[in-house]
Amino acid sequence: SQTLFAVSDNESRPIHTGSLFEVDSEGLTIV
């Protein structure tokens, strides 16, 4: 809920119509 508002609605860059989930030894980062 604290990151979804910044997801793009521009279909010309489909990859940015979603959120990045990045997992490492320190935890989860959503961008």
Full PDB file with SEQRES, HELIX, SHEET, SSBOND, CRYST1, ORIGX, SCALE, CONECT and MASTER records, all heavy atoms in Angstrom:
SEQRES   1 A   31  SER GLN THR LEU PHE ALA VAL SER ASP ASN GLU SER ARG          
SEQRES   2 A   31  PRO ILE HIS THR GLY SER LEU PHE GLU VAL ASP SER GLU          
SEQRES   3 A   31  GLY LEU THR ILE VAL                                          
HELIX    1 AA1 LEU A    4  ALA A    6  5                                   3    
HELIX    2 AA2 PRO A   14  THR A   17  5                                   4    
SHEET    1 AA1 2 PHE A  21  ASP A  24  0                                        
SHEET    2 AA1 2 GLY A  27  ILE A  30 -1                                        
CRYST1    1.000    1.000    1.000  90.00  90.00  90.00 P 1           1          
ORIGX1      1.000000  0.000000  0.000000        0.00000                         
ORIGX2      0.000000  1.000000  0.000000        0.00000                         
ORIGX3      0.000000  0.000000  1.000000        0.00000                         
SCALE1      1.000000  0.000000  0.000000        0.00000                         
SCALE2      0.000000  1.000000  0.000000        0.00000                         
SCALE3      0.000000  0.000000  1.000000        0.00000                         
ATOM      1  N   SER A   1       0.819  -1.215   0.000  1.00  0.00           N  
ATOM      2  CA  SER A   1       0.000   0.000   0.000  1.00  0.00           C  
ATOM      3  C   SER A   1       0.852   1.263   0.000  1.00  0.00           C  
ATOM      4  O   SER A   1       0.427   2.303  -0.507  1.00  0.00           O  
ATOM      5  CB  SER A   1      -0.932   0.002   1.219  1.00  0.00           C  
ATOM      6  OG  SER A   1      -0.198   0.106   2.425  1.00  0.00           O  
ATOM      7  N   GLN A   2       2.068   1.186   0.545  1.00  0.00           N  
ATOM      8  CA  GLN A   2       2.924   2.367   0.647  1.00  0.00           C  
ATOM      9  C   GLN A   2       3.840   2.549  -0.559  1.00  0.00           C  
ATOM     10  O   GLN A   2       4.673   3.463  -0.579  1.00  0.00           O  
ATOM     11  CB  GLN A   2       3.740   2.285   1.938  1.00  0.00           C  
ATOM     12  CG  GLN A   2       2.883   2.447   3.182  1.00  0.00           C  
ATOM     13  CD  GLN A   2       3.545   1.922   4.445  1.00  0.00           C  
ATOM     14  OE1 GLN A   2       4.707   1.523   4.440  1.00  0.00           O  
ATOM     15  NE2 GLN A   2       2.804   1.905   5.542  1.00  0.00           N  
ATOM     16  N   THR A   3       3.698   1.693  -1.571  1.00  0.00           N  
ATOM     17  CA  THR A   3       4.484   1.838  -2.808  1.00  0.00           C  
ATOM     18  C   THR A   3       3.630   1.759  -4.072  1.00  0.00           C  
ATOM     19  O   THR A   3       4.049   2.241  -5.123  1.00  0.00           O  
ATOM     20  CB  THR A   3       5.577   0.754  -2.899  1.00  0.00           C  
ATOM     21  OG1 THR A   3       4.966  -0.547  -2.742  1.00  0.00           O  
ATOM     22  CG2 THR A   3       6.633   0.940  -1.815  1.00  0.00           C  
ATOM     23  N   LEU A   4       2.447   1.165  -3.965  1.00  0.00           N  
ATOM     24  CA  LEU A   4       1.629   0.905  -5.153  1.00  0.00           C  
ATOM     25  C   LEU A   4       1.219   2.180  -5.873  1.00  0.00           C  
ATOM     26  O   LEU A   4       1.044   2.183  -7.098  1.00  0.00           O  
ATOM     27  CB  LEU A   4       0.385   0.099  -4.746  1.00  0.00           C  
ATOM     28  CG  LEU A   4      -0.466  -0.491  -5.872  1.00  0.00           C  
ATOM     29  CD1 LEU A   4       0.358  -1.437  -6.732  1.00  0.00           C  
ATOM     30  CD2 LEU A   4      -1.673  -1.221  -5.293  1.00  0.00           C  
ATOM     31  N   PHE A   5       1.070   3.285  -5.141  1.00  0.00           N  
ATOM     32  CA  PHE A   5       0.617   4.531  -5.754  1.00  0.00           C  
ATOM     33  C   PHE A   5       1.582   5.050  -6.826  1.00  0.00           C  
ATOM     34  O   PHE A   5       1.188   5.835  -7.695  1.00  0.00           O  
ATOM     35  CB  PHE A   5       0.417   5.612  -4.680  1.00  0.00           C  
ATOM     36  CG  PHE A   5       1.689   6.086  -4.038  1.00  0.00           C  
ATOM     37  CD1 PHE A   5       2.402   7.153  -4.565  1.00  0.00           C  
ATOM     38  CD2 PHE A   5       2.194   5.462  -2.909  1.00  0.00           C  
ATOM     39  CE1 PHE A   5       3.578   7.588  -3.987  1.00  0.00           C  
ATOM     40  CE2 PHE A   5       3.371   5.888  -2.318  1.00  0.00           C  
ATOM     41  CZ  PHE A   5       4.072   6.957  -2.856  1.00  0.00           C  
ATOM     42  N   ALA A   6       2.842   4.642  -6.758  1.00  0.00           N  
ATOM     43  CA  ALA A   6       3.847   5.142  -7.706  1.00  0.00           C  
ATOM     44  C   ALA A   6       4.025   4.234  -8.919  1.00  0.00           C  
ATOM     45  O   ALA A   6       4.909   4.476  -9.749  1.00  0.00           O  
ATOM     46  CB  ALA A   6       5.192   5.324  -6.995  1.00  0.00           C  
ATOM     47  N   VAL A   7       3.205   3.193  -9.048  1.00  0.00           N  
ATOM     48  CA  VAL A   7       3.281   2.317 -10.217  1.00  0.00           C  
ATOM     49  C   VAL A   7       2.787   3.083 -11.442  1.00  0.00           C  
ATOM     50  O   VAL A   7       1.785   3.791 -11.392  1.00  0.00           O  
ATOM     51  CB  VAL A   7       2.431   1.040 -10.000  1.00  0.00           C  
ATOM     52  CG1 VAL A   7       2.227   0.293 -11.306  1.00  0.00           C  
ATOM     53  CG2 VAL A   7       3.112   0.130  -8.989  1.00  0.00           C  
ATOM     54  N   SER A   8       3.468   2.932 -12.554  1.00  0.00           N  
ATOM     55  CA  SER A   8       3.126   3.654 -13.772  1.00  0.00           C  
ATOM     56  C   SER A   8       1.896   3.054 -14.454  1.00  0.00           C  
ATOM     57  O   SER A   8       1.672   1.842 -14.395  1.00  0.00           O  
ATOM     58  CB  SER A   8       4.304   3.625 -14.750  1.00  0.00           C  
ATOM     59  OG  SER A   8       3.956   4.220 -15.975  1.00  0.00           O  
ATOM     60  N   ASP A   9       1.105   3.919 -15.096  1.00  0.00           N  
ATOM     61  CA  ASP A   9      -0.014   3.439 -15.912  1.00  0.00           C  
ATOM     62  C   ASP A   9       0.265   3.635 -17.402  1.00  0.00           C  
ATOM     63  O   ASP A   9      -0.620   3.532 -18.239  1.00  0.00           O  
ATOM     64  CB  ASP A   9      -1.314   4.153 -15.519  1.00  0.00           C  
ATOM     65  CG  ASP A   9      -1.222   5.666 -15.656  1.00  0.00           C  
ATOM     66  OD1 ASP A   9      -0.176   6.159 -16.110  1.00  0.00           O  
ATOM     67  OD2 ASP A   9      -2.202   6.356 -15.294  1.00  0.00           O  
ATOM     68  N   ASN A  10       1.533   3.918 -17.712  1.00  0.00           N  
ATOM     69  CA  ASN A  10       1.958   4.136 -19.100  1.00  0.00           C  
ATOM     70  C   ASN A  10       2.398   2.807 -19.711  1.00  0.00           C  
ATOM     71  O   ASN A  10       3.442   2.256 -19.352  1.00  0.00           O  
ATOM     72  CB  ASN A  10       3.093   5.158 -19.136  1.00  0.00           C  
ATOM     73  CG  ASN A  10       3.466   5.555 -20.553  1.00  0.00           C  
ATOM     74  OD1 ASN A  10       3.040   4.932 -21.526  1.00  0.00           O  
ATOM     75  ND2 ASN A  10       4.266   6.603 -20.676  1.00  0.00           N  
ATOM     76  N   GLU A  11       1.584   2.299 -20.640  1.00  0.00           N  
ATOM     77  CA  GLU A  11       1.861   0.992 -21.241  1.00  0.00           C  
ATOM     78  C   GLU A  11       3.055   1.001 -22.190  1.00  0.00           C  
ATOM     79  O   GLU A  11       3.488  -0.051 -22.656  1.00  0.00           O  
ATOM     80  CB  GLU A  11       0.617   0.487 -21.978  1.00  0.00           C  
ATOM     81  CG  GLU A  11      -0.559   0.167 -21.074  1.00  0.00           C  
ATOM     82  CD  GLU A  11      -0.283  -1.012 -20.148  1.00  0.00           C  
ATOM     83  OE1 GLU A  11       0.601  -1.832 -20.486  1.00  0.00           O  
ATOM     84  OE2 GLU A  11      -0.942  -1.110 -19.094  1.00  0.00           O  
ATOM     85  N   SER A  12       3.601   2.188 -22.492  1.00  0.00           N  
ATOM     86  CA  SER A  12       4.765   2.235 -23.373  1.00  0.00           C  
ATOM     87  C   SER A  12       6.001   1.661 -22.679  1.00  0.00           C  
ATOM     88  O   SER A  12       6.966   1.281 -23.342  1.00  0.00           O  
ATOM     89  CB  SER A  12       5.034   3.671 -23.829  1.00  0.00           C  
ATOM     90  OG  SER A  12       5.391   4.489 -22.725  1.00  0.00           O  
ATOM     91  N   ARG A  13       6.003   1.635 -21.350  1.00  0.00           N  
ATOM     92  CA  ARG A  13       7.067   0.977 -20.566  1.00  0.00           C  
ATOM     93  C   ARG A  13       6.410  -0.054 -19.655  1.00  0.00           C  
ATOM     94  O   ARG A  13       6.205   0.196 -18.471  1.00  0.00           O  
ATOM     95  CB  ARG A  13       7.852   1.989 -19.740  1.00  0.00           C  
ATOM     96  CG  ARG A  13       8.724   2.954 -20.532  1.00  0.00           C  
ATOM     97  CD  ARG A  13       9.896   2.247 -21.215  1.00  0.00           C  
ATOM     98  NE  ARG A  13      10.708   1.476 -20.300  1.00  0.00           N  
ATOM     99  CZ  ARG A  13      11.701   1.982 -19.555  1.00  0.00           C  
ATOM    100  NH1 ARG A  13      11.983   3.268 -19.629  1.00  0.00           N  
ATOM    101  NH2 ARG A  13      12.401   1.211 -18.765  1.00  0.00           N  
ATOM    102  N   PRO A  14       6.027  -1.214 -20.188  1.00  0.00           N  
ATOM    103  CA  PRO A  14       5.264  -2.206 -19.418  1.00  0.00           C  
ATOM    104  C   PRO A  14       5.941  -2.621 -18.117  1.00  0.00           C  
ATOM    105  O   PRO A  14       5.260  -2.907 -17.128  1.00  0.00           O  
ATOM    106  CB  PRO A  14       5.145  -3.393 -20.384  1.00  0.00           C  
ATOM    107  CG  PRO A  14       5.337  -2.797 -21.741  1.00  0.00           C  
ATOM    108  CD  PRO A  14       6.287  -1.665 -21.562  1.00  0.00           C  
ATOM    109  N   ILE A  15       7.270  -2.661 -18.096  1.00  0.00           N  
ATOM    110  CA  ILE A  15       7.978  -3.126 -16.905  1.00  0.00           C  
ATOM    111  C   ILE A  15       7.685  -2.247 -15.697  1.00  0.00           C  
ATOM    112  O   ILE A  15       7.690  -2.701 -14.557  1.00  0.00           O  
ATOM    113  CB  ILE A  15       9.507  -3.192 -17.175  1.00  0.00           C  
ATOM    114  CG1 ILE A  15      10.231  -3.913 -16.020  1.00  0.00           C  
ATOM    115  CG2 ILE A  15      10.084  -1.803 -17.402  1.00  0.00           C  
ATOM    116  CD1 ILE A  15       9.899  -5.359 -15.898  1.00  0.00           C  
ATOM    117  N   HIS A  16       7.388  -0.953 -15.928  1.00  0.00           N  
ATOM    118  CA  HIS A  16       7.136  -0.031 -14.822  1.00  0.00           C  
ATOM    119  C   HIS A  16       5.668   0.026 -14.425  1.00  0.00           C  
ATOM    120  O   HIS A  16       5.300   0.819 -13.548  1.00  0.00           O  
ATOM    121  CB  HIS A  16       7.655   1.364 -15.169  1.00  0.00           C  
ATOM    122  CG  HIS A  16       9.135   1.439 -15.225  1.00  0.00           C  
ATOM    123  ND1 HIS A  16       9.820   2.332 -16.027  1.00  0.00           N  
ATOM    124  CD2 HIS A  16      10.097   0.707 -14.584  1.00  0.00           C  
ATOM    125  CE1 HIS A  16      11.117   2.144 -15.878  1.00  0.00           C  
ATOM    126  NE2 HIS A  16      11.307   1.167 -15.008  1.00  0.00           N  
ATOM    127  N   THR A  17       4.814  -0.818 -15.048  1.00  0.00           N  
ATOM    128  CA  THR A  17       3.431  -0.929 -14.602  1.00  0.00           C  
ATOM    129  C   THR A  17       3.316  -1.933 -13.458  1.00  0.00           C  
ATOM    130  O   THR A  17       2.215  -2.310 -13.064  1.00  0.00           O  
ATOM    131  CB  THR A  17       2.505  -1.359 -15.757  1.00  0.00           C  
ATOM    132  OG1 THR A  17       2.923  -2.640 -16.247  1.00  0.00           O  
ATOM    133  CG2 THR A  17       2.546  -0.343 -16.882  1.00  0.00           C  
ATOM    134  N   GLY A  18       4.451  -2.356 -12.949  1.00  0.00           N  
ATOM    135  CA  GLY A  18       4.507  -3.252 -11.801  1.00  0.00           C  
ATOM    136  C   GLY A  18       5.531  -2.778 -10.797  1.00  0.00           C  
ATOM    137  O   GLY A  18       6.223  -1.777 -11.010  1.00  0.00           O  
ATOM    138  N   SER A  19       5.620  -3.492  -9.684  1.00  0.00           N  
ATOM    139  CA  SER A  19       6.583  -3.160  -8.626  1.00  0.00           C  
ATOM    140  C   SER A  19       7.695  -4.200  -8.595  1.00  0.00           C  
ATOM    141  O   SER A  19       7.445  -5.403  -8.750  1.00  0.00           O  
ATOM    142  CB  SER A  19       5.892  -3.113  -7.260  1.00  0.00           C  
ATOM    143  OG  SER A  19       4.969  -2.058  -7.196  1.00  0.00           O  
ATOM    144  N   LEU A  20       8.905  -3.721  -8.366  1.00  0.00           N  
ATOM    145  CA  LEU A  20      10.068  -4.598  -8.255  1.00  0.00           C  
ATOM    146  C   LEU A  20      10.150  -5.184  -6.853  1.00  0.00           C  
ATOM    147  O   LEU A  20      10.105  -4.444  -5.863  1.00  0.00           O  
ATOM    148  CB  LEU A  20      11.336  -3.809  -8.568  1.00  0.00           C  
ATOM    149  CG  LEU A  20      12.670  -4.521  -8.321  1.00  0.00           C  
ATOM    150  CD1 LEU A  20      12.866  -5.664  -9.310  1.00  0.00           C  
ATOM    151  CD2 LEU A  20      13.840  -3.533  -8.398  1.00  0.00           C  
ATOM    152  N   PHE A  21      10.241  -6.505  -6.760  1.00  0.00           N  
ATOM    153  CA  PHE A  21      10.502  -7.205  -5.498  1.00  0.00           C  
ATOM    154  C   PHE A  21      11.964  -7.645  -5.533  1.00  0.00           C  
ATOM    155  O   PHE A  21      12.366  -8.407  -6.406  1.00  0.00           O  
ATOM    156  CB  PHE A  21       9.597  -8.426  -5.347  1.00  0.00           C  
ATOM    157  CG  PHE A  21       8.217  -8.134  -4.847  1.00  0.00           C  
ATOM    158  CD1 PHE A  21       7.397  -7.240  -5.526  1.00  0.00           C  
ATOM    159  CD2 PHE A  21       7.718  -8.731  -3.697  1.00  0.00           C  
ATOM    160  CE1 PHE A  21       6.127  -6.960  -5.083  1.00  0.00           C  
ATOM    161  CE2 PHE A  21       6.451  -8.458  -3.245  1.00  0.00           C  
ATOM    162  CZ  PHE A  21       5.643  -7.568  -3.931  1.00  0.00           C  
ATOM    163  N   GLU A  22      12.744  -7.175  -4.574  1.00  0.00           N  
ATOM    164  CA  GLU A  22      14.169  -7.478  -4.526  1.00  0.00           C  
ATOM    165  C   GLU A  22      14.479  -8.087  -3.159  1.00  0.00           C  
ATOM    166  O   GLU A  22      14.218  -7.464  -2.130  1.00  0.00           O  
ATOM    167  CB  GLU A  22      14.965  -6.188  -4.743  1.00  0.00           C  
ATOM    168  CG  GLU A  22      16.397  -6.399  -5.168  1.00  0.00           C  
ATOM    169  CD  GLU A  22      17.046  -5.083  -5.567  1.00  0.00           C  
ATOM    170  OE1 GLU A  22      17.182  -4.200  -4.699  1.00  0.00           O  
ATOM    171  OE2 GLU A  22      17.410  -4.944  -6.740  1.00  0.00           O  
ATOM    172  N   VAL A  23      15.001  -9.302  -3.155  1.00  0.00           N  
ATOM    173  CA  VAL A  23      15.254 -10.038  -1.915  1.00  0.00           C  
ATOM    174  C   VAL A  23      16.740 -10.314  -1.771  1.00  0.00           C  
ATOM    175  O   VAL A  23      17.393 -10.783  -2.702  1.00  0.00           O  
ATOM    176  CB  VAL A  23      14.469 -11.369  -1.887  1.00  0.00           C  
ATOM    177  CG1 VAL A  23      14.661 -12.083  -0.555  1.00  0.00           C  
ATOM    178  CG2 VAL A  23      12.985 -11.124  -2.156  1.00  0.00           C  
ATOM    179  N   ASP A  24      17.278 -10.002  -0.591  1.00  0.00           N  
ATOM    180  CA  ASP A  24      18.676 -10.317  -0.285  1.00  0.00           C  
ATOM    181  C   ASP A  24      18.778 -10.697   1.186  1.00  0.00           C  
ATOM    182  O   ASP A  24      17.760 -10.920   1.862  1.00  0.00           O  
ATOM    183  CB  ASP A  24      19.593  -9.141  -0.625  1.00  0.00           C  
ATOM    184  CG  ASP A  24      19.194  -7.846   0.079  1.00  0.00           C  
ATOM    185  OD1 ASP A  24      18.538  -7.918   1.148  1.00  0.00           O  
ATOM    186  OD2 ASP A  24      19.532  -6.758  -0.425  1.00  0.00           O  
ATOM    187  N   SER A  25      19.997 -10.776   1.693  1.00  0.00           N  
ATOM    188  CA  SER A  25      20.209 -11.211   3.071  1.00  0.00           C  
ATOM    189  C   SER A  25      19.629 -10.233   4.097  1.00  0.00           C  
ATOM    190  O   SER A  25      19.398 -10.600   5.249  1.00  0.00           O  
ATOM    191  CB  SER A  25      21.706 -11.398   3.333  1.00  0.00           C  
ATOM    192  OG  SER A  25      22.406 -10.180   3.088  1.00  0.00           O  
ATOM    193  N   GLU A  26      19.385  -8.989   3.695  1.00  0.00           N  
ATOM    194  CA  GLU A  26      18.856  -7.982   4.614  1.00  0.00           C  
ATOM    195  C   GLU A  26      17.344  -7.901   4.616  1.00  0.00           C  
ATOM    196  O   GLU A  26      16.760  -7.213   5.454  1.00  0.00           O  
ATOM    197  CB  GLU A  26      19.445  -6.608   4.273  1.00  0.00           C  
ATOM    198  CG  GLU A  26      20.963  -6.538   4.465  1.00  0.00           C  
ATOM    199  CD  GLU A  26      21.500  -5.149   4.165  1.00  0.00           C  
ATOM    200  OE1 GLU A  26      20.708  -4.292   3.729  1.00  0.00           O  
ATOM    201  OE2 GLU A  26      22.705  -4.941   4.372  1.00  0.00           O  
ATOM    202  N   GLY A  27      16.675  -8.562   3.678  1.00  0.00           N  
ATOM    203  CA  GLY A  27      15.223  -8.559   3.672  1.00  0.00           C  
ATOM    204  C   GLY A  27      14.635  -8.308   2.297  1.00  0.00           C  
ATOM    205  O   GLY A  27      15.261  -8.576   1.265  1.00  0.00           O  
ATOM    206  N   LEU A  28      13.420  -7.769   2.290  1.00  0.00           N  
ATOM    207  CA  LEU A  28      12.679  -7.515   1.058  1.00  0.00           C  
ATOM    208  C   LEU A  28      12.582  -6.015   0.800  1.00  0.00           C  
ATOM    209  O   LEU A  28      12.260  -5.237   1.692  1.00  0.00           O  
ATOM    210  CB  LEU A  28      11.261  -8.106   1.163  1.00  0.00           C  
ATOM    211  CG  LEU A  28      10.246  -7.688   0.088  1.00  0.00           C  
ATOM    212  CD1 LEU A  28      10.668  -8.213  -1.282  1.00  0.00           C  
ATOM    213  CD2 LEU A  28       8.847  -8.185   0.450  1.00  0.00           C  
ATOM    214  N   THR A  29      12.857  -5.630  -0.441  1.00  0.00           N  
ATOM    215  CA  THR A  29      12.697  -4.249  -0.882  1.00  0.00           C  
ATOM    216  C   THR A  29      11.692  -4.221  -2.020  1.00  0.00           C  
ATOM    217  O   THR A  29      11.802  -5.000  -2.964  1.00  0.00           O  
ATOM    218  CB  THR A  29      14.031  -3.651  -1.370  1.00  0.00           C  
ATOM    219  OG1 THR A  29      14.984  -3.703  -0.299  1.00  0.00           O  
ATOM    220  CG2 THR A  29      13.847  -2.197  -1.789  1.00  0.00           C  
ATOM    221  N   ILE A  30      10.673  -3.353  -1.910  1.00  0.00           N  
ATOM    222  CA  ILE A  30       9.682  -3.168  -2.975  1.00  0.00           C  
ATOM    223  C   ILE A  30       9.849  -1.760  -3.528  1.00  0.00           C  
ATOM    224  O   ILE A  30       9.884  -0.785  -2.767  1.00  0.00           O  
ATOM    225  CB  ILE A  30       8.247  -3.385  -2.467  1.00  0.00           C  
ATOM    226  CG1 ILE A  30       8.070  -4.809  -1.919  1.00  0.00           C  
ATOM    227  CG2 ILE A  30       7.241  -3.128  -3.581  1.00  0.00           C  
ATOM    228  CD1 ILE A  30       6.672  -5.104  -1.403  1.00  0.00           C  
ATOM    229  N   VAL A  31       9.958  -1.662  -4.849  1.00  0.00           N  
ATOM    230  CA  VAL A  31      10.188  -0.371  -5.506  1.00  0.00           C  
ATOM    231  C   VAL A  31       9.163  -0.174  -6.616  1.00  0.00           C  
ATOM    232  O   VAL A  31       8.919  -1.086  -7.417  1.00  0.00           O  
ATOM    233  CB  VAL A  31      11.611  -0.293  -6.109  1.00  0.00           C  
ATOM    234  CG1 VAL A  31      11.846   1.091  -6.717  1.00  0.00           C  
ATOM    235  CG2 VAL A  31      12.664  -0.609  -5.065  1.00  0.00           C  
TER     236      VAL A  31                                                      
MASTER        0    0    0    2    2    0    0    6  235    1    0    3          
END                                                                             
